[in-house]
PDB file of N, CA and C in Angstrom:
ATOM      1  N   UNK A   1      25.501  32.804  47.290  1.00  0.00           N
ATOM      2  CA  UNK A   1      25.224  31.745  46.135  1.00  0.00           C
ATOM      3  C   UNK A   1      23.983  32.232  45.290  1.00  0.00           C
ATOM      4  N   UNK A   2      24.015  32.225  44.180  1.00  0.00           N
ATOM      5  CA  UNK A   2      22.804  32.513  43.257  1.00  0.00           C
ATOM      6  C   UNK A   2      22.068  31.238  42.984  1.00  0.00           C
ATOM      7  N   UNK A   3      20.734  31.474  43.010  1.00  0.00           N
ATOM      8  CA  UNK A   3      19.771  30.224  42.853  1.00  0.00           C
ATOM      9  C   UNK A   3      18.989  30.604  41.662  1.00  0.00           C
ATOM     10  N   UNK A   4      18.764  29.510  40.770  1.00  0.00           N
ATOM     11  CA  UNK A   4      18.078  29.692  39.449  1.00  0.00           C
ATOM     12  C   UNK A   4      17.196  28.445  39.250  1.00  0.00           C
ATOM     13  N   UNK A   5      16.005  28.620  38.987  1.00  0.00           N
ATOM     14  CA  UNK A   5      15.227  27.357  38.650  1.00  0.00           C
ATOM     15  C   UNK A   5      15.111  27.103  37.169  1.00  0.00           C
ATOM     16  N   UNK A   6      15.465  25.821  36.789  1.00  0.00           N
ATOM     17  CA  UNK A   6      15.330  25.525  35.384  1.00  0.00           C
ATOM     18  C   UNK A   6      13.933  25.403  35.001  1.00  0.00           C
ATOM     19  N   UNK A   7      13.652  25.783  33.815  1.00  0.00           N
ATOM     20  CA  UNK A   7      12.246  25.669  33.152  1.00  0.00           C
ATOM     21  C   UNK A   7      11.897  24.226  33.011  1.00  0.00           C
ATOM     22  N   UNK A   8      10.681  23.982  32.889  1.00  0.00           N
ATOM     23  CA  UNK A   8       9.985  22.793  32.874  1.00  0.00           C
ATOM     24  C   UNK A   8      10.309  21.944  31.441  1.00  0.00           C
ATOM     25  N   UNK A   9      10.482  22.621  30.507  1.00  0.00           N
ATOM     26  CA  UNK A   9      10.720  22.041  29.188  1.00  0.00           C
ATOM     27  C   UNK A   9      12.181  22.366  28.703  1.00  0.00           C
ATOM     28  N   UNK A  10      13.125  21.344  28.686  1.00  0.00           N
ATOM     29  CA  UNK A  10      14.455  21.577  28.026  1.00  0.00           C
ATOM     30  C   UNK A  10      14.509  21.057  26.751  1.00  0.00           C
ATOM     31  N   UNK A  11      13.391  20.957  26.099  1.00  0.00           N
ATOM     32  CA  UNK A  11      13.352  20.359  24.702  1.00  0.00           C
ATOM     33  C   UNK A  11      14.186  21.249  23.720  1.00  0.00           C
ATOM     34  N   UNK A  12      14.491  20.752  22.533  1.00  0.00           N
ATOM     35  CA  UNK A  12      15.339  21.502  21.565  1.00  0.00           C
ATOM     36  C   UNK A  12      14.621  22.912  21.138  1.00  0.00           C
ATOM     37  N   UNK A  13      13.390  22.892  21.081  1.00  0.00           N
ATOM     38  CA  UNK A  13      12.712  24.249  20.770  1.00  0.00           C
ATOM     39  C   UNK A  13      12.745  25.164  21.839  1.00  0.00           C
ATOM     40  N   UNK A  14      13.279  24.860  22.944  1.00  0.00           N
ATOM     41  CA  UNK A  14      13.318  25.796  24.097  1.00  0.00           C
ATOM     42  C   UNK A  14      14.774  26.139  24.455  1.00  0.00           C
ATOM     43  N   UNK A  15      15.802  25.667  23.719  1.00  0.00           N
ATOM     44  CA  UNK A  15      17.164  25.823  24.068  1.00  0.00           C
ATOM     45  C   UNK A  15      17.462  27.341  24.121  1.00  0.00           C
ATOM     46  N   UNK A  16      16.921  28.096  23.127  1.00  0.00           N
ATOM     47  CA  UNK A  16      17.258  29.537  23.189  1.00  0.00           C
ATOM     48  C   UNK A  16      16.854  30.147  24.417  1.00  0.00           C
ATOM     49  N   UNK A  17      15.737  29.872  24.996  1.00  0.00           N
ATOM     50  CA  UNK A  17      15.159  30.392  26.194  1.00  0.00           C
ATOM     51  C   UNK A  17      16.079  30.055  27.261  1.00  0.00           C
ATOM     52  N   UNK A  18      16.628  28.687  27.380  1.00  0.00           N
ATOM     53  CA  UNK A  18      17.348  28.283  28.354  1.00  0.00           C
ATOM     54  C   UNK A  18      18.756  29.043  28.321  1.00  0.00           C
ATOM     55  N   UNK A  19      19.309  29.257  27.063  1.00  0.00           N
ATOM     56  CA  UNK A  19      20.594  29.894  27.061  1.00  0.00           C
ATOM     57  C   UNK A  19      20.273  31.426  27.562  1.00  0.00           C
ATOM     58  N   UNK A  20      19.172  32.040  27.201  1.00  0.00           N
ATOM     59  CA  UNK A  20      18.837  33.389  27.710  1.00  0.00           C
ATOM     60  C   UNK A  20      18.821  33.419  29.221  1.00  0.00           C
ATOM     61  N   UNK A  21      18.282  32.403  29.764  1.00  0.00           N
ATOM     62  CA  UNK A  21      18.202  32.412  31.168  1.00  0.00           C
ATOM     63  C   UNK A  21      19.431  32.282  31.862  1.00  0.00           C
ATOM     64  N   UNK A  22      20.240  31.273  31.268  1.00  0.00           N
ATOM     65  CA  UNK A  22      21.694  31.002  31.903  1.00  0.00           C
ATOM     66  C   UNK A  22      22.618  32.130  31.804  1.00  0.00           C
ATOM     67  N   UNK A  23      22.702  32.731  30.637  1.00  0.00           N
ATOM     68  CA  UNK A  23      23.811  33.600  30.241  1.00  0.00           C
ATOM     69  C   UNK A  23      24.101  34.644  31.286  1.00  0.00           C
ATOM     70  N   UNK A  24      23.155  35.392  31.822  1.00  0.00           N
ATOM     71  CA  UNK A  24      23.457  36.330  32.936  1.00  0.00           C
ATOM     72  C   UNK A  24      24.168  35.779  34.177  1.00  0.00           C
ATOM     73  N   UNK A  25      24.062  34.444  34.259  1.00  0.00           N
ATOM     74  CA  UNK A  25      24.738  33.914  35.517  1.00  0.00           C
ATOM     75  C   UNK A  25      26.125  33.345  35.198  1.00  0.00           C
ATOM     76  N   UNK A  26      26.620  33.596  34.016  1.00  0.00           N
ATOM     77  CA  UNK A  26      27.921  32.896  33.614  1.00  0.00           C
ATOM     78  C   UNK A  26      29.083  33.215  34.633  1.00  0.00           C
ATOM     79  N   UNK A  27      28.972  34.390  35.180  1.00  0.00           N
ATOM     80  CA  UNK A  27      30.221  34.799  36.103  1.00  0.00           C
ATOM     81  C   UNK A  27      29.835  34.899  37.446  1.00  0.00           C
ATOM     82  N   UNK A  28      28.667  34.253  37.829  1.00  0.00           N
ATOM     83  CA  UNK A  28      28.275  34.253  39.367  1.00  0.00           C
ATOM     84  C   UNK A  28      29.182  33.274  40.012  1.00  0.00           C
ATOM     85  N   UNK A  29      29.821  33.675  41.163  1.00  0.00           N
ATOM     86  CA  UNK A  29      30.851  32.866  41.797  1.00  0.00           C
ATOM     87  C   UNK A  29      30.393  31.439  42.075  1.00  0.00           C
ATOM     88  N   UNK A  30      29.095  31.261  42.627  1.00  0.00           N
ATOM     89  CA  UNK A  30      28.549  29.953  42.873  1.00  0.00           C
ATOM     90  C   UNK A  30      27.052  29.964  42.475  1.00  0.00           C
ATOM     91  N   UNK A  31      26.708  29.032  41.659  1.00  0.00           N
ATOM     92  CA  UNK A  31      25.404  28.925  41.104  1.00  0.00           C
ATOM     93  C   UNK A  31      24.714  27.605  41.468  1.00  0.00           C
ATOM     94  N   UNK A  32      23.536  27.643  42.006  1.00  0.00           N
ATOM     95  CA  UNK A  32      22.708  26.454  42.194  1.00  0.00           C
ATOM     96  C   UNK A  32      21.515  26.479  41.317  1.00  0.00           C
ATOM     97  N   UNK A  33      21.383  25.474  40.535  1.00  0.00           N
ATOM     98  CA  UNK A  33      20.323  25.326  39.584  1.00  0.00           C
ATOM     99  C   UNK A  33      19.291  24.432  40.158  1.00  0.00           C
ATOM    100  N   UNK A  34      18.051  24.739  40.279  1.00  0.00           N
ATOM    101  CA  UNK A  34      17.064  23.841  40.760  1.00  0.00           C
ATOM    102  C   UNK A  34      16.395  23.139  39.556  1.00  0.00           C
ATOM    103  N   UNK A  35      16.600  21.905  39.560  1.00  0.00           N
ATOM    104  CA  UNK A  35      16.023  20.990  38.357  1.00  0.00           C
ATOM    105  C   UNK A  35      14.823  20.257  38.770  1.00  0.00           C
ATOM    106  N   UNK A  36      14.089  20.642  39.773  1.00  0.00           N
ATOM    107  CA  UNK A  36      12.878  19.935  40.305  1.00  0.00           C
ATOM    108  C   UNK A  36      11.687  20.055  39.321  1.00  0.00           C
ATOM    109  N   UNK A  37      11.657  21.089  38.565  1.00  0.00           N
ATOM    110  CA  UNK A  37      10.401  21.202  37.727  1.00  0.00           C
ATOM    111  C   UNK A  37      10.636  20.735  36.262  1.00  0.00           C
ATOM    112  N   UNK A  38      11.776  20.196  35.979  1.00  0.00           N
ATOM    113  CA  UNK A  38      12.043  19.735  34.614  1.00  0.00           C
ATOM    114  C   UNK A  38      11.155  18.508  34.455  1.00  0.00           C
ATOM    115  N   UNK A  39      10.357  18.564  33.200  1.00  0.00           N
ATOM    116  CA  UNK A  39       9.449  17.485  32.937  1.00  0.00           C
ATOM    117  C   UNK A  39       9.817  16.817  31.584  1.00  0.00           C
ATOM    118  N   UNK A  40      10.683  17.638  30.661  1.00  0.00           N
ATOM    119  CA  UNK A  40      10.969  17.132  29.374  1.00  0.00           C
ATOM    120  C   UNK A  40      12.378  17.582  29.214  1.00  0.00           C
ATOM    121  N   UNK A  41      13.066  16.715  28.632  1.00  0.00           N
ATOM    122  CA  UNK A  41      14.537  17.025  28.290  1.00  0.00           C
ATOM    123  C   UNK A  41      14.920  16.296  26.782  1.00  0.00           C
ATOM    124  N   UNK A  42      15.578  17.193  26.137  1.00  0.00           N
ATOM    125  CA  UNK A  42      16.246  16.695  24.875  1.00  0.00           C
ATOM    126  C   UNK A  42      17.681  16.785  25.090  1.00  0.00           C
ATOM    127  N   UNK A  43      18.487  15.971  24.232  1.00  0.00           N
ATOM    128  CA  UNK A  43      19.938  16.061  24.191  1.00  0.00           C
ATOM    129  C   UNK A  43      20.405  17.382  24.142  1.00  0.00           C
ATOM    130  N   UNK A  44      19.834  18.291  23.300  1.00  0.00           N
ATOM    131  CA  UNK A  44      20.211  19.585  22.970  1.00  0.00           C
ATOM    132  C   UNK A  44      20.182  20.463  24.306  1.00  0.00           C
ATOM    133  N   UNK A  45      19.154  20.294  25.167  1.00  0.00           N
ATOM    134  CA  UNK A  45      19.088  21.073  26.446  1.00  0.00           C
ATOM    135  C   UNK A  45      20.316  20.564  27.317  1.00  0.00           C
ATOM    136  N   UNK A  46      20.503  19.305  27.391  1.00  0.00           N
ATOM    137  CA  UNK A  46      21.577  18.695  28.177  1.00  0.00           C
ATOM    138  C   UNK A  46      22.889  19.214  27.670  1.00  0.00           C
ATOM    139  N   UNK A  47      23.172  19.262  26.447  1.00  0.00           N
ATOM    140  CA  UNK A  47      24.334  19.822  25.803  1.00  0.00           C
ATOM    141  C   UNK A  47      24.540  21.237  26.172  1.00  0.00           C
ATOM    142  N   UNK A  48      23.577  22.022  26.055  1.00  0.00           N
ATOM    143  CA  UNK A  48      23.655  23.460  26.503  1.00  0.00           C
ATOM    144  C   UNK A  48      24.030  23.575  28.019  1.00  0.00           C
ATOM    145  N   UNK A  49      23.376  22.847  28.876  1.00  0.00           N
ATOM    146  CA  UNK A  49      23.733  22.807  30.246  1.00  0.00           C
ATOM    147  C   UNK A  49      25.112  22.396  30.500  1.00  0.00           C
ATOM    148  N   UNK A  50      25.608  21.395  29.760  1.00  0.00           N
ATOM    149  CA  UNK A  50      26.901  20.884  29.896  1.00  0.00           C
ATOM    150  C   UNK A  50      27.893  21.940  29.570  1.00  0.00           C
ATOM    151  N   UNK A  51      27.677  22.637  28.472  1.00  0.00           N
ATOM    152  CA  UNK A  51      28.566  23.704  27.952  1.00  0.00           C
ATOM    153  C   UNK A  51      28.645  24.876  28.842  1.00  0.00           C
ATOM    154  N   UNK A  52      27.501  25.164  29.422  1.00  0.00           N
ATOM    155  CA  UNK A  52      27.337  26.216  30.432  1.00  0.00           C
ATOM    156  C   UNK A  52      28.239  25.920  31.673  1.00  0.00           C
ATOM    157  N   UNK A  53      27.986  24.767  32.251  1.00  0.00           N
ATOM    158  CA  UNK A  53      28.752  24.214  33.488  1.00  0.00           C
ATOM    159  C   UNK A  53      30.235  24.204  33.176  1.00  0.00           C
ATOM    160  N   UNK A  54      30.633  23.712  31.979  1.00  0.00           N
ATOM    161  CA  UNK A  54      32.011  23.647  31.536  1.00  0.00           C
ATOM    162  C   UNK A  54      32.595  24.971  31.573  1.00  0.00           C
ATOM    163  N   UNK A  55      31.906  25.931  30.842  1.00  0.00           N
ATOM    164  CA  UNK A  55      32.395  27.226  30.705  1.00  0.00           C
ATOM    165  C   UNK A  55      32.620  27.973  32.125  1.00  0.00           C
ATOM    166  N   UNK A  56      31.608  27.690  33.003  1.00  0.00           N
ATOM    167  CA  UNK A  56      31.722  28.352  34.307  1.00  0.00           C
ATOM    168  C   UNK A  56      32.976  27.725  35.023  1.00  0.00           C
ATOM    169  N   UNK A  57      33.144  26.324  34.911  1.00  0.00           N
ATOM    170  CA  UNK A  57      34.126  25.727  35.785  1.00  0.00           C
ATOM    171  C   UNK A  57      35.562  26.284  35.107  1.00  0.00           C
ATOM    172  N   UNK A  58      35.634  26.507  33.798  1.00  0.00           N
ATOM    173  CA  UNK A  58      36.845  27.044  33.245  1.00  0.00           C
ATOM    174  C   UNK A  58      37.239  28.427  33.846  1.00  0.00           C
ATOM    175  N   UNK A  59      36.160  29.210  34.270  1.00  0.00           N
ATOM    176  CA  UNK A  59      36.336  30.444  34.830  1.00  0.00           C
ATOM    177  C   UNK A  59      36.497  30.438  36.448  1.00  0.00           C
ATOM    178  N   UNK A  60      36.513  29.151  36.820  1.00  0.00           N
ATOM    179  CA  UNK A  60      36.756  28.916  38.372  1.00  0.00           C
ATOM    180  C   UNK A  60      35.396  29.005  39.169  1.00  0.00           C
ATOM    181  N   UNK A  61      34.317  28.950  38.527  1.00  0.00           N
ATOM    182  CA  UNK A  61      32.906  28.996  39.305  1.00  0.00           C
ATOM    183  C   UNK A  61      32.344  27.558  39.412  1.00  0.00           C
ATOM    184  N   UNK A  62      31.714  27.245  40.483  1.00  0.00           N
ATOM    185  CA  UNK A  62      31.137  26.102  40.868  1.00  0.00           C
ATOM    186  C   UNK A  62      29.655  26.165  40.387  1.00  0.00           C
ATOM    187  N   UNK A  63      29.010  25.086  39.833  1.00  0.00           N
ATOM    188  CA  UNK A  63      27.656  25.067  39.553  1.00  0.00           C
ATOM    189  C   UNK A  63      27.104  23.695  39.990  1.00  0.00           C
ATOM    190  N   UNK A  64      25.952  23.723  40.777  1.00  0.00           N
ATOM    191  CA  UNK A  64      25.411  22.525  41.165  1.00  0.00           C
ATOM    192  C   UNK A  64      24.019  22.407  40.775  1.00  0.00           C
ATOM    193  N   UNK A  65      23.450  21.297  40.271  1.00  0.00           N
ATOM    194  CA  UNK A  65      22.072  21.236  40.015  1.00  0.00           C
ATOM    195  C   UNK A  65      21.459  20.394  41.184  1.00  0.00           C
ATOM    196  N   UNK A  66      20.574  20.991  41.836  1.00  0.00           N
ATOM    197  CA  UNK A  66      19.928  20.266  42.990  1.00  0.00           C
ATOM    198  C   UNK A  66      18.482  20.004  42.778  1.00  0.00           C
ATOM    199  N   UNK A  67      17.852  19.020  43.501  1.00  0.00           N
ATOM    200  CA  UNK A  67      16.530  18.607  43.423  1.00  0.00           C
ATOM    201  C   UNK A  67      16.179  18.205  41.981  1.00  0.00           C
ATOM    202  N   UNK A  68      17.028  17.648  41.193  1.00  0.00           N
ATOM    203  CA  UNK A  68      16.823  17.255  39.899  1.00  0.00           C
ATOM    204  C   UNK A  68      15.615  16.348  39.758  1.00  0.00           C
ATOM    205  N   UNK A  69      14.615  16.628  38.939  1.00  0.00           N
ATOM    206  CA  UNK A  69      13.437  15.647  38.751  1.00  0.00           C
ATOM    207  C   UNK A  69      13.964  14.403  38.202  1.00  0.00           C
ATOM    208  N   UNK A  70      13.228  13.383  38.342  1.00  0.00           N
ATOM    209  CA  UNK A  70      13.573  12.059  37.821  1.00  0.00           C
ATOM    210  C   UNK A  70      13.807  12.133  36.307  1.00  0.00           C
ATOM    211  N   UNK A  71      13.133  12.960  35.668  1.00  0.00           N
ATOM    212  CA  UNK A  71      13.275  13.037  34.141  1.00  0.00           C
ATOM    213  C   UNK A  71      14.753  13.648  33.929  1.00  0.00           C
ATOM    214  N   UNK A  72      15.146  14.742  34.521  1.00  0.00           N
ATOM    215  CA  UNK A  72      16.372  15.334  34.276  1.00  0.00           C
ATOM    216  C   UNK A  72      17.528  14.440  34.818  1.00  0.00           C
ATOM    217  N   UNK A  73      17.410  13.916  35.918  1.00  0.00           N
ATOM    218  CA  UNK A  73      18.344  12.951  36.518  1.00  0.00           C
ATOM    219  C   UNK A  73      18.709  11.824  35.629  1.00  0.00           C
ATOM    220  N   UNK A  74      17.641  11.163  35.119  1.00  0.00           N
ATOM    221  CA  UNK A  74      17.684   9.997  34.361  1.00  0.00           C
ATOM    222  C   UNK A  74      18.205  10.420  33.013  1.00  0.00           C
ATOM    223  N   UNK A  75      17.848  11.407  32.334  1.00  0.00           N
ATOM    224  CA  UNK A  75      18.434  11.784  31.020  1.00  0.00           C
ATOM    225  C   UNK A  75      20.000  12.097  31.146  1.00  0.00           C
ATOM    226  N   UNK A  76      20.284  12.779  32.213  1.00  0.00           N
ATOM    227  CA  UNK A  76      21.714  13.125  32.515  1.00  0.00           C
ATOM    228  C   UNK A  76      22.515  11.775  32.708  1.00  0.00           C
ATOM    229  N   UNK A  77      21.994  10.978  33.489  1.00  0.00           N
ATOM    230  CA  UNK A  77      22.641   9.706  33.726  1.00  0.00           C
ATOM    231  C   UNK A  77      22.885   8.850  32.545  1.00  0.00           C
ATOM    232  N   UNK A  78      21.682   8.809  31.627  1.00  0.00           N
ATOM    233  CA  UNK A  78      21.796   7.993  30.488  1.00  0.00           C
ATOM    234  C   UNK A  78      22.868   8.505  29.471  1.00  0.00           C
ATOM    235  N   UNK A  79      23.147   9.826  29.516  1.00  0.00           N
ATOM    236  CA  UNK A  79      24.206  10.401  28.589  1.00  0.00           C
ATOM    237  C   UNK A  79      25.463  10.605  29.251  1.00  0.00           C
ATOM    238  N   UNK A  80      25.607  10.036  30.502  1.00  0.00           N
ATOM    239  CA  UNK A  80      26.779  10.070  31.229  1.00  0.00           C
ATOM    240  C   UNK A  80      27.255  11.487  31.489  1.00  0.00           C
ATOM    241  N   UNK A  81      26.318  12.369  31.779  1.00  0.00           N
ATOM    242  CA  UNK A  81      26.482  13.846  32.107  1.00  0.00           C
ATOM    243  C   UNK A  81      26.141  14.283  33.406  1.00  0.00           C
ATOM    244  N   UNK A  82      25.813  13.339  34.244  1.00  0.00           N
ATOM    245  CA  UNK A  82      25.323  13.596  35.661  1.00  0.00           C
ATOM    246  C   UNK A  82      26.548  14.248  36.401  1.00  0.00           C
ATOM    247  N   UNK A  83      27.712  13.686  36.389  1.00  0.00           N
ATOM    248  CA  UNK A  83      28.870  14.296  37.144  1.00  0.00           C
ATOM    249  C   UNK A  83      29.296  15.655  36.510  1.00  0.00           C
ATOM    250  N   UNK A  84      29.398  15.641  35.179  1.00  0.00           N
ATOM    251  CA  UNK A  84      29.908  16.823  34.554  1.00  0.00           C
ATOM    252  C   UNK A  84      28.859  18.071  34.755  1.00  0.00           C
ATOM    253  N   UNK A  85      27.607  17.752  34.876  1.00  0.00           N
ATOM    254  CA  UNK A  85      26.709  18.622  35.118  1.00  0.00           C
ATOM    255  C   UNK A  85      26.489  19.199  36.561  1.00  0.00           C
ATOM    256  N   UNK A  86      27.232  18.544  37.388  1.00  0.00           N
ATOM    257  CA  UNK A  86      27.319  18.900  38.715  1.00  0.00           C
ATOM    258  C   UNK A  86      25.980  18.429  39.478  1.00  0.00           C
ATOM    259  N   UNK A  87      25.223  17.429  39.099  1.00  0.00           N
ATOM    260  CA  UNK A  87      24.135  16.913  39.681  1.00  0.00           C
ATOM    261  C   UNK A  87      24.411  16.571  41.061  1.00  0.00           C
ATOM    262  N   UNK A  88      23.626  16.912  41.985  1.00  0.00           N
ATOM    263  CA  UNK A  88      23.829  16.525  43.457  1.00  0.00           C
ATOM    264  C   UNK A  88      23.612  14.924  43.305  1.00  0.00           C
ATOM    265  N   UNK A  89      24.750  14.182  43.915  1.00  0.00           N
ATOM    266  CA  UNK A  89      24.652  12.726  43.859  1.00  0.00           C
ATOM    267  C   UNK A  89      23.362  12.076  44.452  1.00  0.00           C
ATOM    268  N   UNK A  90      22.775  12.813  45.434  1.00  0.00           N
ATOM    269  CA  UNK A  90      21.467  12.242  45.933  1.00  0.00           C
ATOM    270  C   UNK A  90      20.309  12.223  44.917  1.00  0.00           C
ATOM    271  N   UNK A  91      20.495  13.203  43.861  1.00  0.00           N
ATOM    272  CA  UNK A  91      19.412  13.324  42.894  1.00  0.00           C
ATOM    273  C   UNK A  91      19.681  12.153  41.830  1.00  0.00           C
ATOM    274  N   UNK A  92      21.034  11.842  41.623  1.00  0.00           N
ATOM    275  CA  UNK A  92      21.195  11.066  40.488  1.00  0.00           C
ATOM    276  C   UNK A  92      20.623   9.704  40.593  1.00  0.00           C
ATOM    277  N   UNK A  93      20.449   9.090  41.829  1.00  0.00           N
ATOM    278  CA  UNK A  93      20.007   7.847  42.084  1.00  0.00           C
ATOM    279  C   UNK A  93      20.929   6.726  41.646  1.00  0.00           C
ATOM    280  N   UNK A  94      20.554   5.478  41.695  1.00  0.00           N
ATOM    281  CA  UNK A  94      21.598   4.389  41.485  1.00  0.00           C
ATOM    282  C   UNK A  94      21.712   4.337  39.853  1.00  0.00           C
ATOM    283  N   UNK A  95      22.817   3.840  39.488  1.00  0.00           N
ATOM    284  CA  UNK A  95      23.205   3.702  38.102  1.00  0.00           C
ATOM    285  C   UNK A  95      22.486   2.511  37.554  1.00  0.00           C
ATOM    286  N   UNK A  96      22.188   2.511  36.298  1.00  0.00           N
ATOM    287  CA  UNK A  96      21.411   1.332  35.688  1.00  0.00           C
ATOM    288  C   UNK A  96      22.212   0.700  34.565  1.00  0.00           C
TER     289      UNK A  96
END
């Protein structure tokens, strides 16, 4: 399994950096993204993550985000992307 840590800032101005970090892992058989250091999130960052996870799933590859920071988990939950992003249910916390 491949492990990759997400950057601290997933704001719109950092989406190109996120895409560059994720792209080499598009065909990794199993990928675990560590979201523990994420401090800032914009919808654009979550949209890119969602597209990446969706594209990997279409290729038959599993992606899981583990250790999601409260910021990342909360933003994903607010946009109803926690499941589609493969967030570890323990990270997602209770629905509000």
